[in-house]
């Protein structure tokens, strides 16, 4: 019983128990970060597929940069 008590006290004083507990906590945190990174990678892959589509690029150019297509009719009004 005394030897068991000394072993537990030695582990606590040495910090081994705290180190192991910290490693388990870090493992859980790393697993969560890996899951989040995989989800982000899937989202980026989807965006890359969209960016390769010429119709998507054309729509973005028209919406964001106010560009017009080759066969589009443009009206210019004077204020």
PDB file of N, CA and C in Angstrom:
ATOM      1  N   UNK A   1       0.825  -1.177   0.000  1.00  0.00           N
ATOM      2  CA  UNK A   1       0.000   0.000   0.000  1.00  0.00           C
ATOM      3  C   UNK A   1       0.886   1.263   0.000  1.00  0.00           C
ATOM      4  N   UNK A   2       1.937   1.207   0.784  1.00  0.00           N
ATOM      5  CA  UNK A   2       2.855   2.336   0.863  1.00  0.00           C
ATOM      6  C   UNK A   2       3.552   2.552  -0.484  1.00  0.00           C
ATOM      7  N   UNK A   3       3.948   1.456  -1.118  1.00  0.00           N
ATOM      8  CA  UNK A   3       4.614   1.555  -2.416  1.00  0.00           C
ATOM      9  C   UNK A   3       3.668   2.150  -3.459  1.00  0.00           C
ATOM     10  N   UNK A   4       2.399   1.752  -3.420  1.00  0.00           N
ATOM     11  CA  UNK A   4       1.412   2.294  -4.354  1.00  0.00           C
ATOM     12  C   UNK A   4       1.212   3.787  -4.103  1.00  0.00           C
ATOM     13  N   UNK A   5       1.154   4.171  -2.855  1.00  0.00           N
ATOM     14  CA  UNK A   5       1.031   5.587  -2.510  1.00  0.00           C
ATOM     15  C   UNK A   5       2.236   6.380  -2.969  1.00  0.00           C
ATOM     16  N   UNK A   6       3.428   5.827  -2.786  1.00  0.00           N
ATOM     17  CA  UNK A   6       4.642   6.498  -3.238  1.00  0.00           C
ATOM     18  C   UNK A   6       4.671   6.619  -4.767  1.00  0.00           C
ATOM     19  N   UNK A   7       4.195   5.600  -5.469  1.00  0.00           N
ATOM     20  CA  UNK A   7       4.152   5.645  -6.928  1.00  0.00           C
ATOM     21  C   UNK A   7       3.217   6.759  -7.414  1.00  0.00           C
ATOM     22  N   UNK A   8       2.033   6.842  -6.817  1.00  0.00           N
ATOM     23  CA  UNK A   8       1.076   7.884  -7.206  1.00  0.00           C
ATOM     24  C   UNK A   8       1.647   9.260  -6.896  1.00  0.00           C
ATOM     25  N   UNK A   9       2.230   9.430  -5.732  1.00  0.00           N
ATOM     26  CA  UNK A   9       2.828  10.725  -5.366  1.00  0.00           C
ATOM     27  C   UNK A   9       3.988  11.068  -6.301  1.00  0.00           C
ATOM     28  N   UNK A  10       4.775  10.077  -6.672  1.00  0.00           N
ATOM     29  CA  UNK A  10       5.896  10.313  -7.569  1.00  0.00           C
ATOM     30  C   UNK A  10       5.401  10.775  -8.944  1.00  0.00           C
ATOM     31  N   UNK A  11       4.342  10.135  -9.445  1.00  0.00           N
ATOM     32  CA  UNK A  11       3.792  10.520 -10.738  1.00  0.00           C
ATOM     33  C   UNK A  11       3.201  11.931 -10.696  1.00  0.00           C
ATOM     34  N   UNK A  12       2.563  12.281  -9.599  1.00  0.00           N
ATOM     35  CA  UNK A  12       1.979  13.615  -9.477  1.00  0.00           C
ATOM     36  C   UNK A  12       3.062  14.681  -9.362  1.00  0.00           C
ATOM     37  N   UNK A  13       4.066  14.414  -8.583  1.00  0.00           N
ATOM     38  CA  UNK A  13       5.127  15.397  -8.386  1.00  0.00           C
ATOM     39  C   UNK A  13       5.949  15.543  -9.672  1.00  0.00           C
ATOM     40  N   UNK A  14       6.191  14.457 -10.353  1.00  0.00           N
ATOM     41  CA  UNK A  14       6.963  14.468 -11.587  1.00  0.00           C
ATOM     42  C   UNK A  14       6.217  15.198 -12.707  1.00  0.00           C
ATOM     43  N   UNK A  15       4.917  15.190 -12.662  1.00  0.00           N
ATOM     44  CA  UNK A  15       4.118  15.867 -13.682  1.00  0.00           C
ATOM     45  C   UNK A  15       3.696  14.954 -14.820  1.00  0.00           C
ATOM     46  N   UNK A  16       3.980  13.677 -14.684  1.00  0.00           N
ATOM     47  CA  UNK A  16       3.648  12.736 -15.750  1.00  0.00           C
ATOM     48  C   UNK A  16       2.143  12.641 -15.951  1.00  0.00           C
ATOM     49  N   UNK A  17       1.395  12.620 -14.888  1.00  0.00           N
ATOM     50  CA  UNK A  17      -0.067  12.527 -14.993  1.00  0.00           C
ATOM     51  C   UNK A  17      -0.605  13.747 -15.725  1.00  0.00           C
ATOM     52  N   UNK A  18      -0.096  14.913 -15.393  1.00  0.00           N
ATOM     53  CA  UNK A  18      -0.567  16.135 -16.044  1.00  0.00           C
ATOM     54  C   UNK A  18      -0.179  16.167 -17.516  1.00  0.00           C
ATOM     55  N   UNK A  19       1.003  15.661 -17.842  1.00  0.00           N
ATOM     56  CA  UNK A  19       1.439  15.611 -19.236  1.00  0.00           C
ATOM     57  C   UNK A  19       0.549  14.682 -20.055  1.00  0.00           C
ATOM     58  N   UNK A  20       0.224  13.523 -19.520  1.00  0.00           N
ATOM     59  CA  UNK A  20      -0.639  12.569 -20.224  1.00  0.00           C
ATOM     60  C   UNK A  20      -2.027  13.165 -20.409  1.00  0.00           C
ATOM     61  N   UNK A  21      -2.553  13.801 -19.378  1.00  0.00           N
ATOM     62  CA  UNK A  21      -3.877  14.428 -19.479  1.00  0.00           C
ATOM     63  C   UNK A  21      -3.864  15.538 -20.536  1.00  0.00           C
ATOM     64  N   UNK A  22      -2.785  16.302 -20.579  1.00  0.00           N
ATOM     65  CA  UNK A  22      -2.651  17.350 -21.583  1.00  0.00           C
ATOM     66  C   UNK A  22      -2.557  16.777 -22.992  1.00  0.00           C
ATOM     67  N   UNK A  23      -1.893  15.637 -23.144  1.00  0.00           N
ATOM     68  CA  UNK A  23      -1.796  15.000 -24.454  1.00  0.00           C
ATOM     69  C   UNK A  23      -3.161  14.523 -24.939  1.00  0.00           C
ATOM     70  N   UNK A  24      -3.969  13.966 -24.050  1.00  0.00           N
ATOM     71  CA  UNK A  24      -5.320  13.545 -24.427  1.00  0.00           C
ATOM     72  C   UNK A  24      -6.163  14.747 -24.850  1.00  0.00           C
ATOM     73  N   UNK A  25      -6.018  15.846 -24.146  1.00  0.00           N
ATOM     74  CA  UNK A  25      -6.760  17.063 -24.487  1.00  0.00           C
ATOM     75  C   UNK A  25      -6.313  17.594 -25.850  1.00  0.00           C
ATOM     76  N   UNK A  26      -5.003  17.578 -26.101  1.00  0.00           N
ATOM     77  CA  UNK A  26      -4.479  18.027 -27.392  1.00  0.00           C
ATOM     78  C   UNK A  26      -4.946  17.119 -28.521  1.00  0.00           C
ATOM     79  N   UNK A  27      -5.028  15.817 -28.259  1.00  0.00           N
ATOM     80  CA  UNK A  27      -5.491  14.876 -29.279  1.00  0.00           C
ATOM     81  C   UNK A  27      -6.922  15.204 -29.711  1.00  0.00           C
ATOM     82  N   UNK A  28      -7.785  15.487 -28.759  1.00  0.00           N
ATOM     83  CA  UNK A  28      -9.174  15.831 -29.075  1.00  0.00           C
ATOM     84  C   UNK A  28      -9.235  17.125 -29.881  1.00  0.00           C
ATOM     85  N   UNK A  29      -8.433  18.089 -29.525  1.00  0.00           N
ATOM     86  CA  UNK A  29      -8.407  19.362 -30.244  1.00  0.00           C
ATOM     87  C   UNK A  29      -7.896  19.178 -31.667  1.00  0.00           C
ATOM     88  N   UNK A  30      -6.865  18.349 -31.840  1.00  0.00           N
ATOM     89  CA  UNK A  30      -6.326  18.102 -33.176  1.00  0.00           C
ATOM     90  C   UNK A  30      -7.329  17.364 -34.053  1.00  0.00           C
ATOM     91  N   UNK A  31      -8.083  16.444 -33.476  1.00  0.00           N
ATOM     92  CA  UNK A  31      -9.110  15.739 -34.243  1.00  0.00           C
ATOM     93  C   UNK A  31     -10.165  16.721 -34.749  1.00  0.00           C
ATOM     94  N   UNK A  32     -10.562  17.659 -33.912  1.00  0.00           N
ATOM     95  CA  UNK A  32     -11.538  18.666 -34.331  1.00  0.00           C
ATOM     96  C   UNK A  32     -10.968  19.546 -35.445  1.00  0.00           C
ATOM     97  N   UNK A  33      -9.712  19.919 -35.343  1.00  0.00           N
ATOM     98  CA  UNK A  33      -9.086  20.745 -36.375  1.00  0.00           C
ATOM     99  C   UNK A  33      -8.965  19.985 -37.699  1.00  0.00           C
ATOM    100  N   UNK A  34      -8.701  18.683 -37.636  1.00  0.00           N
ATOM    101  CA  UNK A  34      -8.608  17.873 -38.843  1.00  0.00           C
ATOM    102  C   UNK A  34      -9.966  17.793 -39.525  1.00  0.00           C
ATOM    103  N   UNK A  35     -11.027  17.595 -38.757  1.00  0.00           N
ATOM    104  CA  UNK A  35     -12.374  17.540 -39.318  1.00  0.00           C
ATOM    105  C   UNK A  35     -12.721  18.868 -39.973  1.00  0.00           C
ATOM    106  N   UNK A  36     -12.407  19.963 -39.311  1.00  0.00           N
ATOM    107  CA  UNK A  36     -12.684  21.297 -39.857  1.00  0.00           C
ATOM    108  C   UNK A  36     -11.869  21.542 -41.135  1.00  0.00           C
ATOM    109  N   UNK A  37     -10.614  21.106 -41.160  1.00  0.00           N
ATOM    110  CA  UNK A  37      -9.769  21.295 -42.341  1.00  0.00           C
ATOM    111  C   UNK A  37     -10.285  20.466 -43.520  1.00  0.00           C
ATOM    112  N   UNK A  38     -10.769  19.260 -43.255  1.00  0.00           N
ATOM    113  CA  UNK A  38     -11.328  18.435 -44.332  1.00  0.00           C
ATOM    114  C   UNK A  38     -12.580  19.078 -44.906  1.00  0.00           C
ATOM    115  N   UNK A  39     -13.425  19.632 -44.047  1.00  0.00           N
ATOM    116  CA  UNK A  39     -14.640  20.308 -44.525  1.00  0.00           C
ATOM    117  C   UNK A  39     -14.269  21.532 -45.364  1.00  0.00           C
ATOM    118  N   UNK A  40     -13.265  22.279 -44.933  1.00  0.00           N
ATOM    119  CA  UNK A  40     -12.813  23.448 -45.704  1.00  0.00           C
ATOM    120  C   UNK A  40     -12.246  23.024 -47.057  1.00  0.00           C
ATOM    121  N   UNK A  41     -11.521  21.900 -47.085  1.00  0.00           N
ATOM    122  CA  UNK A  41     -10.941  21.420 -48.341  1.00  0.00           C
ATOM    123  C   UNK A  41     -12.043  21.022 -49.320  1.00  0.00           C
ATOM    124  N   UNK A  42     -13.097  20.392 -48.825  1.00  0.00           N
ATOM    125  CA  UNK A  42     -14.215  20.024 -49.693  1.00  0.00           C
ATOM    126  C   UNK A  42     -14.889  21.267 -50.250  1.00  0.00           C
ATOM    127  N   UNK A  43     -15.053  22.290 -49.416  1.00  0.00           N
ATOM    128  CA  UNK A  43     -15.673  23.528 -49.865  1.00  0.00           C
ATOM    129  C   UNK A  43     -14.805  24.211 -50.936  1.00  0.00           C
ATOM    130  N   UNK A  44     -13.506  24.231 -50.749  1.00  0.00           N
ATOM    131  CA  UNK A  44     -12.598  24.861 -51.716  1.00  0.00           C
ATOM    132  C   UNK A  44     -12.612  24.086 -53.031  1.00  0.00           C
ATOM    133  N   UNK A  45     -12.672  22.762 -52.962  1.00  0.00           N
ATOM    134  CA  UNK A  45     -12.737  21.962 -54.186  1.00  0.00           C
ATOM    135  C   UNK A  45     -13.998  22.293 -54.977  1.00  0.00           C
ATOM    136  N   UNK A  46     -15.109  22.478 -54.288  1.00  0.00           N
ATOM    137  CA  UNK A  46     -16.346  22.871 -54.954  1.00  0.00           C
ATOM    138  C   UNK A  46     -16.226  24.231 -55.617  1.00  0.00           C
ATOM    139  N   UNK A  47     -15.592  25.168 -54.935  1.00  0.00           N
ATOM    140  CA  UNK A  47     -15.387  26.494 -55.513  1.00  0.00           C
ATOM    141  C   UNK A  47     -14.454  26.434 -56.722  1.00  0.00           C
ATOM    142  N   UNK A  48     -13.457  25.557 -56.689  1.00  0.00           N
ATOM    143  CA  UNK A  48     -12.547  25.407 -57.821  1.00  0.00           C
ATOM    144  C   UNK A  48     -13.274  24.847 -59.036  1.00  0.00           C
ATOM    145  N   UNK A  49     -14.184  23.909 -58.796  1.00  0.00           N
ATOM    146  CA  UNK A  49     -14.968  23.376 -59.908  1.00  0.00           C
ATOM    147  C   UNK A  49     -15.831  24.464 -60.530  1.00  0.00           C
ATOM    148  N   UNK A  50     -16.423  25.322 -59.701  1.00  0.00           N
ATOM    149  CA  UNK A  50     -17.223  26.432 -60.220  1.00  0.00           C
ATOM    150  C   UNK A  50     -16.356  27.403 -61.013  1.00  0.00           C
ATOM    151  N   UNK A  51     -15.169  27.663 -60.527  1.00  0.00           N
ATOM    152  CA  UNK A  51     -14.296  28.648 -61.181  1.00  0.00           C
ATOM    153  C   UNK A  51     -13.820  28.169 -62.547  1.00  0.00           C
ATOM    154  N   UNK A  52     -13.844  26.865 -62.786  1.00  0.00           N
ATOM    155  CA  UNK A  52     -13.423  26.347 -64.089  1.00  0.00           C
ATOM    156  C   UNK A  52     -14.536  26.456 -65.131  1.00  0.00           C
ATOM    157  N   UNK A  53     -15.745  26.730 -64.708  1.00  0.00           N
ATOM    158  CA  UNK A  53     -16.879  26.818 -65.622  1.00  0.00           C
ATOM    159  C   UNK A  53     -16.886  28.190 -66.316  1.00  0.00           C
ATOM    160  N   UNK A  54     -16.803  28.247 -67.644  1.00  0.00           N
ATOM    161  CA  UNK A  54     -16.772  29.543 -68.348  1.00  0.00           C
ATOM    162  C   UNK A  54     -18.050  30.367 -68.141  1.00  0.00           C
ATOM    163  N   UNK A  55     -19.186  29.719 -68.023  1.00  0.00           N
ATOM    164  CA  UNK A  55     -20.430  30.455 -67.803  1.00  0.00           C
ATOM    165  C   UNK A  55     -20.424  31.147 -66.448  1.00  0.00           C
ATOM    166  N   UNK A  56     -19.851  30.503 -65.459  1.00  0.00           N
ATOM    167  CA  UNK A  56     -19.754  31.104 -64.128  1.00  0.00           C
ATOM    168  C   UNK A  56     -18.847  32.331 -64.164  1.00  0.00           C
ATOM    169  N   UNK A  57     -17.729  32.215 -64.863  1.00  0.00           N
ATOM    170  CA  UNK A  57     -16.800  33.345 -64.973  1.00  0.00           C
ATOM    171  C   UNK A  57     -17.464  34.508 -65.701  1.00  0.00           C
ATOM    172  N   UNK A  58     -18.208  34.196 -66.757  1.00  0.00           N
ATOM    173  CA  UNK A  58     -18.897  35.244 -67.501  1.00  0.00           C
ATOM    174  C   UNK A  58     -19.949  35.933 -66.631  1.00  0.00           C
ATOM    175  N   UNK A  59     -20.696  35.152 -65.871  1.00  0.00           N
ATOM    176  CA  UNK A  59     -21.711  35.737 -64.988  1.00  0.00           C
ATOM    177  C   UNK A  59     -21.070  36.622 -63.922  1.00  0.00           C
ATOM    178  N   UNK A  60     -19.955  36.185 -63.361  1.00  0.00           N
ATOM    179  CA  UNK A  60     -19.242  37.013 -62.376  1.00  0.00           C
ATOM    180  C   UNK A  60     -18.755  38.318 -62.998  1.00  0.00           C
ATOM    181  N   UNK A  61     -18.233  38.241 -64.208  1.00  0.00           N
ATOM    182  CA  UNK A  61     -17.739  39.450 -64.872  1.00  0.00           C
ATOM    183  C   UNK A  61     -18.881  40.425 -65.118  1.00  0.00           C
ATOM    184  N   UNK A  62     -20.031  39.915 -65.518  1.00  0.00           N
ATOM    185  CA  UNK A  62     -21.174  40.785 -65.758  1.00  0.00           C
ATOM    186  C   UNK A  62     -21.707  41.392 -64.469  1.00  0.00           C
ATOM    187  N   UNK A  63     -21.791  40.587 -63.420  1.00  0.00           N
ATOM    188  CA  UNK A  63     -22.360  41.059 -62.151  1.00  0.00           C
ATOM    189  C   UNK A  63     -21.421  41.979 -61.381  1.00  0.00           C
ATOM    190  N   UNK A  64     -20.184  41.571 -61.250  1.00  0.00           N
ATOM    191  CA  UNK A  64     -19.254  42.300 -60.381  1.00  0.00           C
ATOM    192  C   UNK A  64     -18.565  43.469 -61.074  1.00  0.00           C
ATOM    193  N   UNK A  65     -18.271  43.323 -62.364  1.00  0.00           N
ATOM    194  CA  UNK A  65     -17.474  44.340 -63.057  1.00  0.00           C
ATOM    195  C   UNK A  65     -18.288  45.136 -64.073  1.00  0.00           C
ATOM    196  N   UNK A  66     -19.577  44.897 -64.110  1.00  0.00           N
ATOM    197  CA  UNK A  66     -20.477  45.598 -65.029  1.00  0.00           C
ATOM    198  C   UNK A  66     -20.028  45.473 -66.480  1.00  0.00           C
ATOM    199  N   UNK A  67     -19.526  44.306 -66.837  1.00  0.00           N
ATOM    200  CA  UNK A  67     -19.146  44.062 -68.222  1.00  0.00           C
ATOM    201  C   UNK A  67     -20.353  43.527 -68.982  1.00  0.00           C
ATOM    202  N   UNK A  68     -20.312  43.611 -70.288  1.00  0.00           N
ATOM    203  CA  UNK A  68     -21.404  43.111 -71.119  1.00  0.00           C
ATOM    204  C   UNK A  68     -20.867  42.060 -72.077  1.00  0.00           C
ATOM    205  N   UNK A  69     -21.780  41.220 -72.524  1.00  0.00           N
ATOM    206  CA  UNK A  69     -21.406  40.190 -73.479  1.00  0.00           C
ATOM    207  C   UNK A  69     -21.294  40.755 -74.887  1.00  0.00           C
ATOM    208  N   UNK A  70     -20.799  39.934 -75.786  1.00  0.00           N
ATOM    209  CA  UNK A  70     -20.568  40.359 -77.153  1.00  0.00           C
ATOM    210  C   UNK A  70     -21.875  40.706 -77.866  1.00  0.00           C
ATOM    211  N   UNK A  71     -22.931  40.001 -77.590  1.00  0.00           N
ATOM    212  CA  UNK A  71     -24.212  40.218 -78.267  1.00  0.00           C
ATOM    213  C   UNK A  71     -25.235  40.941 -77.390  1.00  0.00           C
ATOM    214  N   UNK A  72     -24.798  41.528 -76.294  1.00  0.00           N
ATOM    215  CA  UNK A  72     -25.723  42.231 -75.401  1.00  0.00           C
ATOM    216  C   UNK A  72     -26.008  43.636 -75.929  1.00  0.00           C
ATOM    217  N   UNK A  73     -27.224  44.079 -75.698  1.00  0.00           N
ATOM    218  CA  UNK A  73     -27.643  45.414 -76.100  1.00  0.00           C
ATOM    219  C   UNK A  73     -27.486  46.345 -74.899  1.00  0.00           C
ATOM    220  N   UNK A  74     -26.815  47.484 -75.074  1.00  0.00           N
ATOM    221  CA  UNK A  74     -26.535  48.401 -73.975  1.00  0.00           C
ATOM    222  C   UNK A  74     -27.263  49.716 -74.238  1.00  0.00           C
ATOM    223  N   UNK A  75     -27.973  50.199 -73.241  1.00  0.00           N
ATOM    224  CA  UNK A  75     -28.651  51.499 -73.322  1.00  0.00           C
ATOM    225  C   UNK A  75     -27.887  52.492 -72.469  1.00  0.00           C
ATOM    226  N   UNK A  76     -27.631  53.660 -72.992  1.00  0.00           N
ATOM    227  CA  UNK A  76     -26.942  54.711 -72.251  1.00  0.00           C
ATOM    228  C   UNK A  76     -27.900  55.894 -72.158  1.00  0.00           C
ATOM    229  N   UNK A  77     -28.227  56.275 -70.951  1.00  0.00           N
ATOM    230  CA  UNK A  77     -29.166  57.382 -70.709  1.00  0.00           C
ATOM    231  C   UNK A  77     -28.382  58.576 -70.188  1.00  0.00           C
ATOM    232  N   UNK A  78     -28.688  59.749 -70.669  1.00  0.00           N
ATOM    233  CA  UNK A  78     -28.064  60.965 -70.172  1.00  0.00           C
ATOM    234  C   UNK A  78     -28.896  61.490 -69.018  1.00  0.00           C
ATOM    235  N   UNK A  79     -28.254  61.948 -68.018  1.00  0.00           N
ATOM    236  CA  UNK A  79     -28.958  62.482 -66.843  1.00  0.00           C
ATOM    237  C   UNK A  79     -29.311  63.923 -67.046  1.00  0.00           C
TER     238      UNK A  79
END
